[in-house]
Amino acid sequence: MNPSFQINGIGYLKWLTLNHEEEELAQIAAFIEAWSKNTKSYKFQTSGSTGIPKTIEIDRAYMEHSAQVTGEFFGLTEGCSSLLCLPVKFIAGRMMLVRAMVLGLDLHVAKPEVKEIVKLKPKFHFCAMTPHQVSRILDTDVTFFDSIEMLIIGGGDINTLLERKLENLKTKCYATFGMTETVSHIALREIGVKTCFKALPGVKFHQNEEGQLIIHASGWGVHNMITNDMVNLLSEKEFEWLGRIDNVINSGGIKVFPERIESILEGQIPGNFFIAGLPDQHLGNKVVLLVEGEETPVDFSQLSSYEKPKEVFSISRFKYTDTGKIQRSETLNLIEYS
């Protein structure tokens, strides 16, 4: 535990003596106490966006290493201020807390709700948010980002429309690549500057014949881990993300990446939506568009013939994980078995 670690401007030991009845604050206090006792490993639940959530155990040493590497990359030193506005029961929020404890940061805590985040006045060197949070804050009070120097964004895809808005901010914004198994992010892409993800020091990439990304990062306890991510591998340090193998649609013998189509259609559809595949007698699988709420007219002219949705389905409410990610297969089942 770095002795310079503070929460909301006061020493962590004094902060622990305060009353923490709210669930989120109680979870933070419990984790700080466990960390101060040198607990060797911690259990986390995966998000479940592509399957059943599972519990995994991560060594403290890997969490400390991840925090140190991130701190060096962003130049975070003792006394730098950071903002925690993510749920701490998941890896992204928990690692914001670990970074503060390891690096000696002044951590400010806010509920994950946008209305609570925008009330904050201090300036922050470092912050992590989801794309949904960022989008909501941009619509609520874009000037809030004037108080954030560096922002990492993860837990979901950053669509083209959001990326364009972020390019106009003074804040340095980074898309993250990682998962619970990699102790949060192991690669970053600076928005408005890079189109590819670059590995953090100590991380290397390669891929298998199917095009799936394979990660080797011994400092994070990751050894040749095959991911579900399809990439264009540029080097052992850089890749362009194409989509997830479990989302790829083989339509008429051609691989269609839903994420590419979604980025093109973004901005036309006001609510949540996604592209998926359904069985088809002639194509094997046909491309379909699922829209949450009422269906709206969509211009498909920018899509190639095999990318254009053959049907559009309107669903009143999608299925979501606890972290707010769309559960595609479960939502698709609402069509197939309704």
Protein backbone atom coordinates (compact mmCIF):
# COMPACT_ATOMS: atom_id res chain seq x y z
CA MET A 1 0.00 0.00 0.00
CA ASN A 2 1.49 3.32 -1.05
CA PRO A 3 1.34 5.69 1.96
CA SER A 4 0.42 8.61 -0.36
CA PHE A 5 -2.87 6.91 -1.33
CA GLN A 6 -5.87 9.15 -0.59
CA ILE A 7 -9.61 8.98 -1.15
CA ASN A 8 -11.51 12.19 -1.81
CA GLY A 9 -8.55 14.22 -0.57
CA ILE A 10 -8.02 12.48 2.79
CA GLY A 11 -5.71 9.65 3.84
CA TYR A 12 -7.14 6.20 3.24
CA LEU A 13 -6.81 5.19 6.91
CA LYS A 14 -8.93 8.13 7.99
CA TRP A 15 -11.38 7.49 5.16
CA LEU A 16 -11.84 3.89 6.39
CA THR A 17 -13.05 5.21 9.77
CA LEU A 18 -15.96 7.04 8.13
CA ASN A 19 -19.44 5.57 7.80
CA HIS A 20 -19.82 3.66 4.53
CA GLU A 21 -23.40 2.42 4.49
CA GLU A 22 -23.83 2.71 0.70
CA GLU A 23 -23.11 -0.62 -0.99
CA GLU A 24 -20.53 0.75 -3.44
CA LEU A 25 -18.54 2.53 -0.70
CA ALA A 26 -18.76 -0.56 1.53
CA GLN A 27 -17.29 -2.68 -1.29
CA ILE A 28 -14.45 -0.20 -1.73
CA ALA A 29 -13.71 -0.19 2.00
CA ALA A 30 -13.75 -4.00 2.15
CA PHE A 31 -11.33 -4.30 -0.75
CA ILE A 32 -8.92 -1.70 0.70
CA GLU A 33 -8.88 -3.60 3.99
CA ALA A 34 -8.24 -6.90 2.22
CA TRP A 35 -5.45 -5.30 0.17
CA SER A 36 -3.83 -3.81 3.27
CA LYS A 37 -3.70 -7.34 4.76
CA ASN A 38 -1.70 -8.53 1.71
CA THR A 39 -4.35 -10.94 0.49
CA LYS A 40 -2.61 -12.94 -2.24
CA SER A 41 -5.45 -13.40 -4.73
CA TYR A 42 -8.91 -12.04 -5.50
CA LYS A 43 -12.00 -13.46 -7.18
CA PHE A 44 -13.71 -11.71 -10.09
CA GLN A 45 -16.74 -12.44 -12.22
CA THR A 46 -16.41 -12.14 -15.98
CA SER A 47 -18.93 -9.93 -17.76
CA GLY A 48 -20.86 -12.71 -19.51
CA SER A 49 -21.34 -10.72 -22.72
CA THR A 50 -20.46 -13.77 -24.86
CA GLY A 51 -21.52 -16.59 -22.56
CA ILE A 52 -22.27 -17.61 -19.00
CA PRO A 53 -20.42 -15.40 -16.46
CA LYS A 54 -17.72 -17.29 -14.61
CA THR A 55 -15.65 -16.61 -11.52
CA ILE A 56 -11.87 -16.49 -11.89
CA GLU A 57 -9.09 -15.87 -9.38
CA ILE A 58 -6.34 -13.34 -10.06
CA ASP A 59 -3.05 -13.08 -8.19
CA ARG A 60 -2.27 -9.84 -6.41
CA ALA A 61 1.14 -9.71 -8.12
CA TYR A 62 -0.49 -9.53 -11.57
CA MET A 63 -2.78 -6.72 -10.42
CA GLU A 64 0.19 -4.78 -9.05
CA HIS A 65 2.11 -5.30 -12.29
CA SER A 66 -0.82 -4.10 -14.37
CA ALA A 67 -1.13 -0.98 -12.21
CA GLN A 68 2.59 -0.19 -12.46
CA VAL A 69 2.67 -0.55 -16.26
CA THR A 70 -0.42 1.65 -16.69
CA GLY A 71 1.07 4.22 -14.32
CA GLU A 72 4.31 4.36 -16.30
CA PHE A 73 2.47 4.64 -19.63
CA PHE A 74 0.32 7.57 -18.49
CA GLY A 75 2.96 9.19 -16.28
CA LEU A 76 0.91 8.78 -13.10
CA THR A 77 2.89 9.57 -9.96
CA GLU A 78 2.17 10.04 -6.27
CA GLY A 79 -0.45 12.73 -5.69
CA CYS A 80 -1.99 12.59 -9.17
CA SER A 81 -5.77 12.68 -9.01
CA SER A 82 -7.95 9.96 -10.50
CA LEU A 83 -11.69 9.41 -10.76
CA LEU A 84 -13.39 6.11 -9.97
CA CYS A 85 -16.90 6.06 -11.47
CA LEU A 86 -17.19 2.37 -12.37
CA PRO A 87 -18.65 -0.46 -10.25
CA VAL A 88 -15.85 -1.95 -8.14
CA LYS A 89 -17.24 -5.49 -8.23
CA PHE A 90 -15.89 -5.83 -11.79
CA ILE A 91 -12.27 -5.73 -12.95
CA ALA A 92 -12.31 -2.25 -14.56
CA GLY A 93 -13.49 -0.47 -11.44
CA ARG A 94 -11.41 -2.62 -9.12
CA MET A 95 -8.24 -1.85 -11.08
CA MET A 96 -8.86 1.89 -10.78
CA LEU A 97 -8.75 1.32 -7.03
CA VAL A 98 -5.63 -0.85 -7.27
CA ARG A 99 -3.81 1.77 -9.36
CA ALA A 100 -4.55 4.39 -6.72
CA MET A 101 -3.31 2.14 -3.90
CA VAL A 102 -0.15 1.04 -5.73
CA LEU A 103 0.80 4.40 -7.24
CA GLY A 104 -0.27 6.63 -4.36
CA LEU A 105 -2.98 8.53 -6.22
CA ASP A 106 -5.68 10.80 -4.80
CA LEU A 107 -8.75 8.80 -5.78
CA HIS A 108 -12.11 10.55 -6.03
CA VAL A 109 -15.15 8.27 -5.90
CA ALA A 110 -18.48 8.84 -7.63
CA LYS A 111 -21.48 6.62 -8.22
CA PRO A 112 -21.53 5.20 -11.77
CA GLU A 113 -24.62 7.28 -12.61
CA VAL A 114 -23.98 10.17 -15.01
CA LYS A 115 -25.98 12.65 -12.93
CA GLU A 116 -23.59 12.03 -10.01
CA ILE A 117 -20.42 12.13 -12.10
CA VAL A 118 -21.08 15.54 -13.66
CA LYS A 119 -21.52 17.10 -10.20
CA LEU A 120 -17.80 16.72 -9.52
CA LYS A 121 -15.65 19.84 -9.76
CA PRO A 122 -11.98 18.82 -9.22
CA LYS A 123 -9.61 18.31 -12.14
CA PHE A 124 -8.47 14.74 -12.73
CA HIS A 125 -5.29 13.43 -14.30
CA PHE A 126 -6.81 10.04 -15.07
CA CYS A 127 -10.23 8.43 -15.39
CA ALA A 128 -11.87 5.29 -16.82
CA MET A 129 -15.40 5.11 -18.23
CA THR A 130 -17.61 2.96 -20.43
CA PRO A 131 -18.69 4.20 -23.89
CA HIS A 132 -22.23 4.53 -22.55
CA GLN A 133 -21.11 6.81 -19.72
CA VAL A 134 -19.03 8.94 -22.08
CA SER A 135 -21.88 9.28 -24.57
CA ARG A 136 -24.36 10.28 -21.86
CA ILE A 137 -22.00 12.88 -20.39
CA LEU A 138 -21.35 14.36 -23.83
CA ASP A 139 -25.10 14.81 -24.21
CA THR A 140 -25.50 16.15 -20.64
CA ASP A 141 -22.50 18.43 -20.08
CA VAL A 142 -19.65 18.26 -22.58
CA THR A 143 -17.65 20.80 -20.55
CA PHE A 144 -17.19 18.16 -17.83
CA PHE A 145 -14.40 16.62 -19.89
CA ASP A 146 -12.41 19.85 -19.57
CA SER A 147 -11.61 18.60 -16.06
CA ILE A 148 -10.13 15.27 -17.27
CA GLU A 149 -6.62 15.13 -18.69
CA MET A 150 -6.53 11.46 -19.76
CA LEU A 151 -9.49 9.11 -20.25
CA ILE A 152 -9.50 5.39 -20.97
CA ILE A 153 -12.70 3.93 -22.39
CA GLY A 154 -13.56 0.23 -22.25
CA GLY A 155 -16.27 -2.30 -21.61
CA GLY A 156 -17.85 -1.90 -25.04
CA ASP A 157 -17.29 -0.76 -28.61
CA ILE A 158 -16.69 2.90 -29.42
CA ASN A 159 -18.83 3.60 -32.46
CA THR A 160 -17.87 5.97 -35.26
CA LEU A 161 -20.23 8.72 -34.11
CA LEU A 162 -18.83 8.71 -30.56
CA GLU A 163 -15.27 8.62 -31.84
CA ARG A 164 -15.83 11.77 -33.90
CA LYS A 165 -17.16 13.58 -30.83
CA LEU A 166 -14.16 12.48 -28.75
CA GLU A 167 -11.74 13.80 -31.35
CA ASN A 168 -12.99 17.33 -30.59
CA LEU A 169 -12.18 17.13 -26.87
CA LYS A 170 -9.04 18.50 -25.24
CA THR A 171 -8.94 15.30 -23.20
CA LYS A 172 -6.58 12.59 -24.45
CA CYS A 173 -8.90 9.64 -25.01
CA TYR A 174 -7.82 6.01 -25.36
CA ALA A 175 -9.82 2.96 -26.36
CA THR A 176 -8.76 -0.05 -24.31
CA PHE A 177 -8.43 -3.70 -25.23
CA GLY A 178 -8.54 -6.29 -22.50
CA MET A 179 -10.74 -8.48 -20.35
CA THR A 180 -11.02 -9.84 -16.83
CA GLU A 181 -8.54 -12.60 -17.66
CA THR A 182 -5.88 -10.03 -18.67
CA VAL A 183 -6.41 -7.95 -15.49
CA SER A 184 -8.14 -5.17 -17.50
CA HIS A 185 -6.41 -3.57 -20.51
CA ILE A 186 -3.22 -4.84 -22.14
CA ALA A 187 -3.42 -2.66 -25.29
CA LEU A 188 -4.49 0.90 -26.05
CA ARG A 189 -5.51 2.99 -29.07
CA GLU A 190 -5.33 6.77 -28.87
CA ILE A 191 -8.54 8.09 -30.38
CA GLY A 192 -8.05 10.53 -33.23
CA VAL A 193 -4.39 9.53 -33.56
CA LYS A 194 -4.23 5.76 -34.09
CA THR A 195 -6.44 3.28 -35.93
CA CYS A 196 -4.75 0.26 -34.36
CA PHE A 197 -4.25 -1.04 -30.84
CA LYS A 198 -0.71 -1.06 -29.45
CA ALA A 199 0.45 -3.46 -26.76
CA LEU A 200 1.62 -2.23 -23.40
CA PRO A 201 5.29 -2.99 -22.60
CA GLY A 202 5.68 -6.69 -21.84
CA VAL A 203 2.76 -7.80 -24.04
CA LYS A 204 3.10 -9.62 -27.38
CA PHE A 205 0.53 -10.77 -29.94
CA HIS A 206 0.21 -13.41 -32.63
CA GLN A 207 -2.76 -15.16 -34.22
CA ASN A 208 -3.93 -18.59 -35.30
CA GLU A 209 -5.04 -19.77 -38.73
CA GLU A 210 -8.61 -18.67 -38.03
CA GLY A 211 -7.41 -15.10 -37.44
CA GLN A 212 -8.00 -15.09 -33.68
CA LEU A 213 -5.72 -12.96 -31.53
CA ILE A 214 -3.39 -14.81 -29.17
CA ILE A 215 -1.94 -12.93 -26.18
CA HIS A 216 1.32 -13.54 -24.33
CA ALA A 217 1.82 -11.33 -21.28
CA SER A 218 3.76 -13.11 -18.53
CA GLY A 219 3.61 -10.12 -16.16
CA TRP A 220 -0.17 -10.43 -16.22
CA GLY A 221 -0.15 -14.23 -15.87
CA VAL A 222 -1.28 -14.68 -19.48
CA HIS A 223 0.47 -17.30 -21.62
CA ASN A 224 -0.61 -17.83 -25.23
CA MET A 225 -4.26 -17.15 -24.49
CA ILE A 226 -6.49 -17.59 -27.54
CA THR A 227 -9.15 -14.89 -27.58
CA ASN A 228 -12.46 -14.66 -29.44
CA ASP A 229 -11.22 -11.51 -31.17
CA MET A 230 -10.63 -11.47 -34.93
CA VAL A 231 -7.83 -9.08 -35.89
CA ASN A 232 -5.62 -7.84 -38.66
CA LEU A 233 -2.23 -8.43 -37.04
CA LEU A 234 0.26 -5.72 -38.05
CA SER A 235 3.14 -6.85 -35.83
CA GLU A 236 3.69 -8.62 -32.53
CA LYS A 237 2.84 -5.29 -30.90
CA GLU A 238 -0.02 -3.88 -33.01
CA PHE A 239 -3.32 -5.04 -34.47
CA GLU A 240 -6.51 -3.72 -36.01
CA TRP A 241 -9.61 -5.13 -34.35
CA LEU A 242 -12.18 -6.60 -36.76
CA GLY A 243 -14.77 -8.17 -34.48
CA ARG A 244 -15.49 -11.24 -32.38
CA ILE A 245 -15.41 -14.72 -33.85
CA ASP A 246 -18.66 -15.60 -32.07
CA ASN A 247 -20.37 -12.73 -33.92
CA VAL A 248 -19.01 -13.43 -37.42
CA ILE A 249 -21.72 -14.34 -39.93
CA ASN A 250 -20.89 -16.77 -42.77
CA SER A 251 -23.36 -15.66 -45.41
CA GLY A 252 -23.13 -17.28 -48.83
CA GLY A 253 -19.54 -18.32 -48.10
CA ILE A 254 -18.44 -14.77 -47.16
CA LYS A 255 -17.42 -13.75 -43.66
CA VAL A 256 -19.42 -10.74 -42.52
CA PHE A 257 -18.27 -8.77 -39.46
CA PRO A 258 -21.30 -7.30 -37.64
CA GLU A 259 -19.15 -4.70 -35.87
CA ARG A 260 -18.14 -3.15 -39.20
CA ILE A 261 -21.77 -2.85 -40.32
CA GLU A 262 -22.77 -1.40 -36.95
CA SER A 263 -20.13 1.31 -37.20
CA ILE A 264 -21.50 2.35 -40.60
CA LEU A 265 -25.13 2.44 -39.43
CA GLU A 266 -24.36 4.26 -36.19
CA GLY A 267 -25.98 7.68 -36.08
CA GLN A 268 -29.01 6.63 -38.11
CA ILE A 269 -30.57 4.60 -35.32
CA PRO A 270 -31.27 6.55 -32.10
CA GLY A 271 -31.47 3.57 -29.73
CA ASN A 272 -29.50 0.38 -29.23
CA PHE A 273 -29.17 -2.06 -32.11
CA PHE A 274 -26.93 -4.81 -33.43
CA ILE A 275 -26.33 -6.99 -36.46
CA ALA A 276 -26.67 -10.77 -36.26
CA GLY A 277 -27.15 -13.84 -38.42
CA LEU A 278 -30.17 -16.12 -38.75
CA PRO A 279 -30.40 -19.45 -40.63
CA ASP A 280 -31.28 -19.09 -44.31
CA GLN A 281 -32.10 -21.81 -46.84
CA HIS A 282 -30.03 -20.28 -49.62
CA LEU A 283 -27.23 -18.33 -47.87
CA GLY A 284 -26.67 -20.61 -44.90
CA ASN A 285 -27.00 -17.54 -42.69
CA LYS A 286 -28.59 -14.21 -43.54
CA VAL A 287 -27.68 -10.82 -42.07
CA VAL A 288 -30.43 -9.25 -39.93
CA LEU A 289 -30.73 -6.02 -37.98
CA LEU A 290 -32.20 -5.97 -34.47
CA VAL A 291 -33.42 -2.63 -33.11
CA GLU A 292 -34.45 -1.95 -29.52
CA GLY A 293 -37.75 -0.09 -29.39
CA GLU A 294 -39.54 1.24 -32.43
CA GLU A 295 -38.14 0.56 -35.88
CA THR A 296 -36.82 3.60 -37.78
CA PRO A 297 -35.97 4.01 -41.48
CA VAL A 298 -32.32 3.09 -42.18
CA ASP A 299 -30.21 3.83 -45.25
CA PHE A 300 -28.22 0.73 -46.24
CA SER A 301 -26.66 2.28 -49.37
CA GLN A 302 -23.14 2.34 -47.85
CA LEU A 303 -23.20 -1.42 -47.31
CA SER A 304 -22.15 -4.05 -49.83
CA SER A 305 -24.80 -6.48 -51.07
CA TYR A 306 -23.77 -9.26 -48.66
CA GLU A 307 -23.67 -6.83 -45.70
CA LYS A 308 -27.18 -5.44 -46.20
CA PRO A 309 -29.66 -6.82 -43.64
CA LYS A 310 -32.26 -9.07 -45.23
CA GLU A 311 -34.70 -8.44 -42.38
CA VAL A 312 -35.16 -5.87 -39.60
CA PHE A 313 -36.60 -6.90 -36.23
CA SER A 314 -37.91 -4.54 -33.57
CA ILE A 315 -37.65 -5.75 -29.95
CA SER A 316 -39.07 -3.83 -27.02
CA ARG A 317 -36.15 -4.60 -24.68
CA PHE A 318 -32.78 -6.28 -25.34
CA LYS A 319 -31.13 -8.68 -22.88
CA TYR A 320 -28.17 -7.16 -20.98
CA THR A 321 -25.37 -8.29 -18.67
CA ASP A 322 -24.87 -6.77 -15.22
CA THR A 323 -22.25 -4.46 -16.76
CA GLY A 324 -24.69 -3.15 -19.37
CA LYS A 325 -23.40 -5.06 -22.41
CA ILE A 326 -25.93 -6.41 -24.88
CA GLN A 327 -26.29 -10.19 -24.72
CA ARG A 328 -26.57 -10.85 -28.43
CA SER A 329 -27.40 -14.54 -28.47
CA GLU A 330 -30.00 -14.23 -25.69
CA THR A 331 -31.60 -11.27 -27.45
CA LEU A 332 -31.57 -13.15 -30.74
CA ASN A 333 -33.42 -15.99 -29.04
CA LEU A 334 -36.33 -13.62 -28.47
CA ILE A 335 -36.83 -13.78 -32.23
CA GLU A 336 -36.07 -17.42 -32.83
CA TYR A 337 -38.24 -18.78 -30.03
CA SER A 338 -40.94 -16.13 -29.64
